[in-house]
Amino acid sequence: MTEIQKLAQQAKEVLQRAVAEALDKKRRLGQYAVIYQNGKLVRLEPEQIAEQLRKH
């Protein structure tokens, strides 16, 4: 793996962690979240956010 590939992988992991933390915060606050899934915008209720986080 080249240095650029390593940096890209690190950036991807950091972004995934940040998104997971933001979604978890919305879940804990009882707020909905909107995500892009299968080519569509999808509104997730707090209970659905927990399910989504378990998948990833």
C-alpha atoms as a PDB file:
ATOM      1  CA  MET A   1       0.000   0.000   0.000  1.00  0.00           C
ATOM      2  CA  THR A   2       1.424   3.383  -0.974  1.00  0.00           C
ATOM      3  CA  GLU A   3       1.663   6.337   1.393  1.00  0.00           C
ATOM      4  CA  ILE A   4      -1.207   8.074  -0.401  1.00  0.00           C
ATOM      5  CA  GLN A   5      -3.382   4.965  -0.066  1.00  0.00           C
ATOM      6  CA  LYS A   6      -2.583   4.785   3.657  1.00  0.00           C
ATOM      7  CA  LEU A   7      -3.534   8.435   4.125  1.00  0.00           C
ATOM      8  CA  ALA A   8      -6.735   7.947   2.140  1.00  0.00           C
ATOM      9  CA  GLN A   9      -7.655   4.929   4.285  1.00  0.00           C
ATOM     10  CA  GLN A  10      -6.983   6.899   7.475  1.00  0.00           C
ATOM     11  CA  ALA A  11      -9.127   9.787   6.222  1.00  0.00           C
ATOM     12  CA  LYS A  12     -11.963   7.395   5.379  1.00  0.00           C
ATOM     13  CA  GLU A  13     -11.826   5.815   8.842  1.00  0.00           C
ATOM     14  CA  VAL A  14     -11.836   9.212  10.572  1.00  0.00           C
ATOM     15  CA  LEU A  15     -14.830  10.367   8.518  1.00  0.00           C
ATOM     16  CA  GLN A  16     -16.740   7.144   9.234  1.00  0.00           C
ATOM     17  CA  ARG A  17     -16.072   7.542  12.960  1.00  0.00           C
ATOM     18  CA  ALA A  18     -17.204  11.190  12.892  1.00  0.00           C
ATOM     19  CA  VAL A  19     -20.445  10.306  11.099  1.00  0.00           C
ATOM     20  CA  ALA A  20     -21.135   7.453  13.528  1.00  0.00           C
ATOM     21  CA  GLU A  21     -20.594   9.792  16.489  1.00  0.00           C
ATOM     22  CA  ALA A  22     -22.875  12.462  14.993  1.00  0.00           C
ATOM     23  CA  LEU A  23     -25.612   9.900  14.311  1.00  0.00           C
ATOM     24  CA  ASP A  24     -25.294   8.498  17.833  1.00  0.00           C
ATOM     25  CA  LYS A  25     -25.618  12.003  19.278  1.00  0.00           C
ATOM     26  CA  LYS A  26     -28.817  12.557  17.272  1.00  0.00           C
ATOM     27  CA  ARG A  27     -30.140   9.206  18.528  1.00  0.00           C
ATOM     28  CA  ARG A  28     -29.408  10.104  22.152  1.00  0.00           C
ATOM     29  CA  LEU A  29     -31.100  13.502  21.749  1.00  0.00           C
ATOM     30  CA  GLY A  30     -34.173  11.869  20.222  1.00  0.00           C
ATOM     31  CA  GLN A  31     -33.671  13.613  16.877  1.00  0.00           C
ATOM     32  CA  TYR A  32     -34.150  12.178  13.423  1.00  0.00           C
ATOM     33  CA  ALA A  33     -31.369  12.012  10.821  1.00  0.00           C
ATOM     34  CA  VAL A  34     -31.473  12.133   7.040  1.00  0.00           C
ATOM     35  CA  ILE A  35     -29.095   9.872   5.129  1.00  0.00           C
ATOM     36  CA  TYR A  36     -28.535   8.999   1.485  1.00  0.00           C
ATOM     37  CA  GLN A  37     -29.214   5.301   0.921  1.00  0.00           C
ATOM     38  CA  ASN A  38     -29.674   3.352  -2.323  1.00  0.00           C
ATOM     39  CA  GLY A  39     -29.969   6.537  -4.362  1.00  0.00           C
ATOM     40  CA  LYS A  40     -32.630   8.107  -2.129  1.00  0.00           C
ATOM     41  CA  LEU A  41     -32.814  10.425   0.854  1.00  0.00           C
ATOM     42  CA  VAL A  42     -34.097   8.484   3.859  1.00  0.00           C
ATOM     43  CA  ARG A  43     -35.326   9.906   7.166  1.00  0.00           C
ATOM     44  CA  LEU A  44     -34.274   7.778  10.131  1.00  0.00           C
ATOM     45  CA  GLU A  45     -36.084   8.020  13.436  1.00  0.00           C
ATOM     46  CA  PRO A  46     -33.927   7.648  16.573  1.00  0.00           C
ATOM     47  CA  GLU A  47     -34.720   3.921  16.870  1.00  0.00           C
ATOM     48  CA  GLN A  48     -33.731   3.391  13.250  1.00  0.00           C
ATOM     49  CA  ILE A  49     -30.444   5.230  13.785  1.00  0.00           C
ATOM     50  CA  ALA A  50     -29.422   2.601  16.345  1.00  0.00           C
ATOM     51  CA  GLU A  51     -30.187  -0.157  13.829  1.00  0.00           C
ATOM     52  CA  GLN A  52     -28.170   1.633  11.146  1.00  0.00           C
ATOM     53  CA  LEU A  53     -25.178   2.020  13.474  1.00  0.00           C
ATOM     54  CA  ARG A  54     -25.231  -1.692  14.333  1.00  0.00           C
ATOM     55  CA  LYS A  55     -25.053  -2.570  10.616  1.00  0.00           C
ATOM     56  CA  HIS A  56     -21.783  -0.700  10.151  1.00  0.00           C
END
